[in-house]
């Protein structure tokens, strides 16, 4: 990304309340955007377990400097809401998360008005969903992925017509490989990707070993391998679950602090979405061409 992009001024507005009448806690979002520009594409971002609208600044700020309007809801599982594994509401939080993204998309005009007049500056035909970890499964549902029930049958379709592309970072894999704890507390972590038809980029770390699955890092590539094209996969050889610290600088969950890796993830997502939206294919083409010609720290596959 050029220095001119990195020097672009951005603004952030929070909290903005989104209408969600059936929710036990008010749905609030943060909006981060370039201070100038028109026809801006939109990213709706779903955070990982326990995070909030205040996380993932290293990603969000770079996306905004690249010209995106980023909307970040705080999901019900955020640690600031204090819902533990044994809370009776926890079993349905995965559905509430999906409903949150639908509420943001359905109420996007109102959100943009409250964010300082952004409603006249966005391109509503270019909207993406992006998510990390649990947020990746949440975002995947809006791309067409479903959840298998106890009998292995796909559940309902939560896709959203406003979404034309997406990115899944460290997305839950498939199969009956959940650990006993995950099977008891997180039975919805059984996605079905064969119905995920929307174009998407999947990002996986080669050292991401989940405590929720008996499989290794390849578990996080299922969203790519088991979904129909068009899809791309960014594999980061040394990446662990937060891929260098995408949730923030010096946070406890980061086990592989690497600012360059975070910048790669952020810029690859911007490049992929600009290409998917047919706005600019230069950066993504350059990344794709560099794959395999570098030092082996990352690679891109597409189908």
Protein backbone atom coordinates (compact mmCIF):
# COMPACT_ATOMS: atom_id res chain seq x y z
CA UNK A 1 0.00 0.00 0.00
CA UNK A 2 1.35 3.41 -0.89
CA UNK A 3 2.40 5.94 1.74
CA UNK A 4 -0.30 8.29 0.45
CA UNK A 5 -2.92 5.78 1.57
CA UNK A 6 -1.32 5.38 4.97
CA UNK A 7 -1.27 9.17 5.44
CA UNK A 8 -4.98 9.54 4.67
CA UNK A 9 -6.95 11.03 7.58
CA UNK A 10 -9.69 8.82 8.99
CA UNK A 11 -12.50 9.46 11.46
CA UNK A 12 -14.26 7.14 13.89
CA UNK A 13 -17.69 7.58 15.50
CA UNK A 14 -19.07 5.53 18.41
CA UNK A 15 -21.34 4.40 19.86
CA UNK A 16 -24.18 4.33 17.36
CA UNK A 17 -27.24 2.33 18.36
CA UNK A 18 -28.83 0.10 15.73
CA UNK A 19 -32.51 -0.89 16.01
CA UNK A 20 -32.68 -4.50 17.24
CA UNK A 21 -35.96 -4.83 19.19
CA UNK A 22 -35.60 -8.52 20.11
CA UNK A 23 -32.11 -8.12 21.58
CA UNK A 24 -31.63 -8.24 25.38
CA UNK A 25 -28.80 -5.65 25.20
CA UNK A 26 -28.71 -2.63 22.86
CA UNK A 27 -26.82 -3.26 19.62
CA UNK A 28 -24.07 -0.65 19.24
CA UNK A 29 -21.54 -0.09 16.48
CA UNK A 30 -18.47 1.95 15.69
CA UNK A 31 -18.02 3.45 12.21
CA UNK A 32 -14.54 4.23 10.90
CA UNK A 33 -14.11 5.93 7.53
CA UNK A 34 -11.89 8.18 5.42
CA UNK A 35 -12.57 11.84 6.17
CA UNK A 36 -12.90 12.49 2.43
CA UNK A 37 -14.02 10.63 -0.67
CA UNK A 38 -17.22 9.39 -2.28
CA UNK A 39 -18.59 6.08 -3.55
CA UNK A 40 -16.82 4.34 -0.68
CA UNK A 41 -17.25 0.56 -0.32
CA UNK A 42 -18.43 -0.82 3.03
CA UNK A 43 -17.07 -3.54 5.33
CA UNK A 44 -19.24 -4.88 8.16
CA UNK A 45 -16.86 -6.61 10.58
CA UNK A 46 -17.73 -9.36 13.07
CA UNK A 47 -15.29 -9.69 15.99
CA UNK A 48 -14.03 -12.86 17.64
CA UNK A 49 -15.38 -14.22 20.93
CA UNK A 50 -15.41 -11.69 23.81
CA UNK A 51 -14.22 -8.70 21.76
CA UNK A 52 -16.17 -5.53 20.96
CA UNK A 53 -16.43 -2.53 18.65
CA UNK A 54 -13.22 -1.25 20.23
CA UNK A 55 -11.04 -4.12 18.96
CA UNK A 56 -9.14 -4.85 15.75
CA UNK A 57 -7.85 -1.32 15.28
CA UNK A 58 -4.78 -2.52 13.31
CA UNK A 59 -7.11 -3.93 10.65
CA UNK A 60 -9.86 -1.34 10.72
CA UNK A 61 -7.59 1.70 10.48
CA UNK A 62 -5.73 0.29 7.48
CA UNK A 63 -9.01 -0.55 5.75
CA UNK A 64 -10.27 2.99 6.31
CA UNK A 65 -7.04 4.47 4.97
CA UNK A 66 -7.53 2.26 1.90
CA UNK A 67 -10.92 3.87 1.32
CA UNK A 68 -13.42 1.64 3.10
CA UNK A 69 -16.20 2.55 5.53
CA UNK A 70 -15.98 -0.02 8.34
CA UNK A 71 -18.91 -0.82 10.66
CA UNK A 72 -18.10 -2.81 13.81
CA UNK A 73 -20.92 -4.13 16.00
CA UNK A 74 -20.41 -5.33 19.57
CA UNK A 75 -21.91 -8.82 19.75
CA UNK A 76 -23.67 -10.22 22.82
CA UNK A 77 -20.71 -12.44 23.75
CA UNK A 78 -18.48 -9.40 24.30
CA UNK A 79 -16.77 -9.63 27.67
CA UNK A 80 -18.24 -6.23 28.53
CA UNK A 81 -21.69 -7.90 28.61
CA UNK A 82 -20.53 -10.52 31.13
CA UNK A 83 -22.22 -13.57 29.58
CA UNK A 84 -20.36 -16.74 30.57
CA UNK A 85 -20.47 -20.21 29.04
CA UNK A 86 -23.20 -21.24 31.50
CA UNK A 87 -25.50 -18.28 30.79
CA UNK A 88 -28.76 -19.64 29.31
CA UNK A 89 -28.48 -17.07 26.50
CA UNK A 90 -25.12 -18.42 25.35
CA UNK A 91 -26.59 -21.34 23.42
CA UNK A 92 -28.30 -18.98 20.98
CA UNK A 93 -25.67 -16.25 20.76
CA UNK A 94 -24.54 -17.59 17.38
CA UNK A 95 -28.00 -16.73 16.05
CA UNK A 96 -27.95 -13.31 17.72
CA UNK A 97 -24.58 -12.61 16.11
CA UNK A 98 -26.01 -13.32 12.65
CA UNK A 99 -29.07 -11.21 13.46
CA UNK A 100 -26.71 -8.38 14.49
CA UNK A 101 -25.12 -8.31 11.04
CA UNK A 102 -28.54 -8.40 9.39
CA UNK A 103 -29.70 -5.52 11.59
CA UNK A 104 -26.63 -3.47 10.66
CA UNK A 105 -27.13 -4.10 6.95
CA UNK A 106 -30.88 -3.47 7.08
CA UNK A 107 -30.33 -0.29 9.10
CA UNK A 108 -27.22 0.86 7.27
CA UNK A 109 -28.72 4.16 6.10
CA UNK A 110 -29.52 5.19 9.67
CA UNK A 111 -26.06 4.14 10.86
CA UNK A 112 -24.38 6.21 8.15
CA UNK A 113 -26.51 9.29 8.94
CA UNK A 114 -25.45 9.11 12.61
CA UNK A 115 -21.82 8.71 11.54
CA UNK A 116 -21.71 12.26 10.23
CA UNK A 117 -23.36 12.30 6.84
CA UNK A 118 -21.71 9.23 5.39
CA UNK A 119 -24.99 8.22 3.74
CA UNK A 120 -24.12 10.41 0.75
CA UNK A 121 -20.59 9.04 0.42
CA UNK A 122 -20.95 5.24 0.32
CA UNK A 123 -21.61 2.80 -2.50
CA UNK A 124 -24.42 0.52 -1.30
CA UNK A 125 -23.77 -1.84 -4.19
CA UNK A 126 -20.34 -2.69 -2.79
CA UNK A 127 -20.79 -4.18 0.68
CA UNK A 128 -18.67 -6.95 2.24
CA UNK A 129 -18.76 -8.88 5.49
CA UNK A 130 -15.50 -9.79 7.22
CA UNK A 131 -15.02 -11.76 10.43
CA UNK A 132 -12.35 -13.32 12.64
CA UNK A 133 -12.70 -16.65 14.45
CA UNK A 134 -16.29 -16.86 15.74
CA UNK A 135 -16.87 -13.72 13.71
CA UNK A 136 -15.72 -15.59 10.60
CA UNK A 137 -18.41 -18.22 11.11
CA UNK A 138 -20.90 -15.38 11.69
CA UNK A 139 -19.86 -13.60 8.50
CA UNK A 140 -19.86 -16.89 6.60
CA UNK A 141 -23.56 -17.33 7.32
CA UNK A 142 -24.30 -14.14 5.38
CA UNK A 143 -22.24 -15.52 2.50
CA UNK A 144 -24.41 -18.64 2.37
CA UNK A 145 -22.77 -21.09 4.79
CA UNK A 146 -25.16 -22.98 7.06
CA UNK A 147 -24.95 -24.83 10.37
CA UNK A 148 -25.39 -28.60 10.56
CA UNK A 149 -27.85 -29.84 13.17
CA UNK A 150 -27.35 -32.87 15.42
CA UNK A 151 -28.46 -35.16 12.58
CA UNK A 152 -25.99 -33.60 10.15
CA UNK A 153 -28.65 -31.71 8.20
CA UNK A 154 -28.00 -28.12 7.05
CA UNK A 155 -29.96 -25.47 8.91
CA UNK A 156 -31.62 -22.34 7.61
CA UNK A 157 -30.21 -19.92 5.06
CA UNK A 158 -28.99 -16.65 6.63
CA UNK A 159 -27.45 -15.13 3.49
CA UNK A 160 -28.06 -11.43 2.85
CA UNK A 161 -28.70 -9.96 -0.59
CA UNK A 162 -26.75 -6.75 0.17
CA UNK A 163 -23.48 -8.65 0.56
CA UNK A 164 -21.47 -9.25 -2.60
CA UNK A 165 -18.13 -10.43 -1.14
CA UNK A 166 -16.57 -11.50 2.12
CA UNK A 167 -13.42 -12.47 4.02
CA UNK A 168 -13.16 -15.21 6.65
CA UNK A 169 -10.14 -15.04 8.98
CA UNK A 170 -9.41 -18.20 11.01
CA UNK A 171 -12.84 -19.64 10.25
CA UNK A 172 -14.20 -22.69 12.05
CA UNK A 173 -13.71 -25.94 10.14
CA UNK A 174 -16.14 -28.78 9.55
CA UNK A 175 -16.52 -32.37 10.63
CA UNK A 176 -17.07 -34.21 13.89
CA UNK A 177 -13.74 -33.17 15.36
CA UNK A 178 -14.87 -30.83 18.14
CA UNK A 179 -13.33 -31.44 21.55
CA UNK A 180 -15.75 -32.54 24.32
CA UNK A 181 -15.83 -28.98 25.70
CA UNK A 182 -16.65 -27.49 22.28
CA UNK A 183 -19.24 -30.16 21.54
CA UNK A 184 -21.01 -29.33 24.82
CA UNK A 185 -20.79 -25.53 24.77
CA UNK A 186 -20.40 -24.72 21.06
CA UNK A 187 -22.40 -27.33 19.12
CA UNK A 188 -23.14 -24.76 16.40
CA UNK A 189 -19.46 -24.93 15.33
CA UNK A 190 -20.39 -27.34 12.53
CA UNK A 191 -20.57 -25.14 9.43
CA UNK A 192 -21.67 -26.43 6.03
CA UNK A 193 -19.71 -24.61 3.33
CA UNK A 194 -21.10 -26.25 0.19
CA UNK A 195 -23.80 -23.55 0.06
CA UNK A 196 -21.39 -20.62 0.54
CA UNK A 197 -21.58 -19.33 -3.03
CA UNK A 198 -20.64 -15.66 -2.49
CA UNK A 199 -17.05 -14.78 -3.54
CA UNK A 200 -14.75 -14.85 -0.52
CA UNK A 201 -11.17 -14.80 0.68
CA UNK A 202 -10.25 -17.30 3.41
CA UNK A 203 -7.21 -16.55 5.59
CA UNK A 204 -5.57 -19.30 7.65
CA UNK A 205 -2.43 -19.58 9.78
CA UNK A 206 -0.11 -22.55 9.40
CA UNK A 207 0.44 -22.69 13.17
CA UNK A 208 -3.15 -22.11 14.25
CA UNK A 209 -3.97 -25.07 16.49
CA UNK A 210 -7.41 -24.70 18.03
CA UNK A 211 -8.22 -26.03 21.49
CA UNK A 212 -11.76 -26.61 20.20
CA UNK A 213 -10.87 -29.18 17.53
CA UNK A 214 -8.83 -32.37 17.42
CA UNK A 215 -7.56 -31.41 13.96
CA UNK A 216 -4.56 -29.25 13.22
CA UNK A 217 -4.20 -25.96 11.31
CA UNK A 218 -5.77 -27.43 8.16
CA UNK A 219 -9.13 -27.22 9.98
CA UNK A 220 -9.11 -23.50 9.24
CA UNK A 221 -8.85 -24.06 5.49
CA UNK A 222 -12.15 -25.95 5.15
CA UNK A 223 -14.03 -22.78 4.25
CA UNK A 224 -11.89 -22.59 1.13
CA UNK A 225 -11.65 -26.24 0.15
CA UNK A 226 -15.30 -27.17 0.80
CA UNK A 227 -17.04 -24.14 -0.69
CA UNK A 228 -17.80 -23.53 -4.37
CA UNK A 229 -15.75 -21.10 -6.44
CA UNK A 230 -14.90 -18.30 -6.74
CA UNK A 231 -12.75 -18.42 -3.60
CA UNK A 232 -9.19 -17.54 -2.64
CA UNK A 233 -7.03 -18.76 0.23
CA UNK A 234 -4.25 -16.76 1.88
CA UNK A 235 -2.07 -19.16 3.87
CA UNK A 236 0.34 -17.55 6.34
CA UNK A 237 2.97 -20.12 7.27
CA UNK A 238 3.88 -18.97 10.79
CA UNK A 239 0.50 -17.43 11.62
CA UNK A 240 -1.32 -18.43 14.80
CA UNK A 241 -4.92 -17.61 15.70
CA UNK A 242 -4.57 -13.84 15.82
CA UNK A 243 -2.16 -13.81 12.87
CA UNK A 244 0.38 -11.53 14.48
CA UNK A 245 -2.01 -9.43 16.57
CA UNK A 246 -4.95 -8.37 14.39
CA UNK A 247 -7.15 -7.74 17.44
CA UNK A 248 -4.81 -5.05 18.77
CA UNK A 249 -1.30 -4.29 19.87
CA UNK A 250 0.06 -6.17 22.89
CA UNK A 251 -3.20 -7.97 23.71
CA UNK A 252 -3.19 -11.11 25.86
CA UNK A 253 -4.60 -13.39 23.15
CA UNK A 254 -1.72 -12.67 20.74
CA UNK A 255 0.81 -15.49 20.82
CA UNK A 256 2.72 -14.53 17.67
CA UNK A 257 3.23 -10.76 17.82
CA UNK A 258 4.24 -9.67 14.29
CA UNK A 259 3.21 -6.22 12.99
CA UNK A 260 4.32 -7.07 9.45
CA UNK A 261 2.00 -10.08 9.46
CA UNK A 262 -0.90 -7.91 10.62
CA UNK A 263 -0.21 -5.43 7.83
CA UNK A 264 -0.17 -8.29 5.31
CA UNK A 265 -3.57 -9.51 6.49
CA UNK A 266 -5.09 -6.01 6.45
CA UNK A 267 -3.70 -5.06 3.05
CA UNK A 268 -4.54 -8.41 1.46
CA UNK A 269 -8.15 -7.99 2.54
CA UNK A 270 -8.31 -4.46 1.12
CA UNK A 271 -6.74 -5.61 -2.13
CA UNK A 272 -9.03 -8.63 -2.46
CA UNK A 273 -12.20 -6.62 -1.85
CA UNK A 274 -11.19 -3.80 -4.21
CA UNK A 275 -10.66 -6.46 -6.87
CA UNK A 276 -13.92 -8.27 -6.05
CA UNK A 277 -15.79 -4.96 -6.26
CA UNK A 278 -14.12 -4.23 -9.63
CA UNK A 279 -12.67 -0.98 -8.29
CA UNK A 280 -8.94 -1.74 -8.54
CA UNK A 281 -7.21 -5.02 -9.37
CA UNK A 282 -3.61 -3.80 -9.24
CA UNK A 283 -2.82 -4.62 -5.60
CA UNK A 284 -4.50 -8.04 -5.62
CA UNK A 285 -2.88 -8.99 -8.92
CA UNK A 286 0.51 -8.00 -7.51
CA UNK A 287 -0.05 -10.08 -4.36
CA UNK A 288 -1.24 -13.05 -6.37
CA UNK A 289 1.78 -12.80 -8.66
CA UNK A 290 4.15 -12.57 -5.70
CA UNK A 291 2.69 -15.74 -4.16
CA UNK A 292 5.25 -18.50 -4.49
CA UNK A 293 7.96 -16.13 -5.58
CA UNK A 294 8.72 -14.86 -2.09
CA UNK A 295 10.36 -16.37 0.99
CA UNK A 296 7.64 -18.93 1.74
CA UNK A 297 6.05 -16.97 4.59
CA UNK A 298 2.70 -16.80 2.77
CA UNK A 299 0.96 -18.01 -0.36
CA UNK A 300 -2.29 -17.49 -2.26
CA UNK A 301 -4.43 -20.16 -3.94
CA UNK A 302 -7.57 -19.48 -5.95
CA UNK A 303 -10.31 -21.46 -7.63
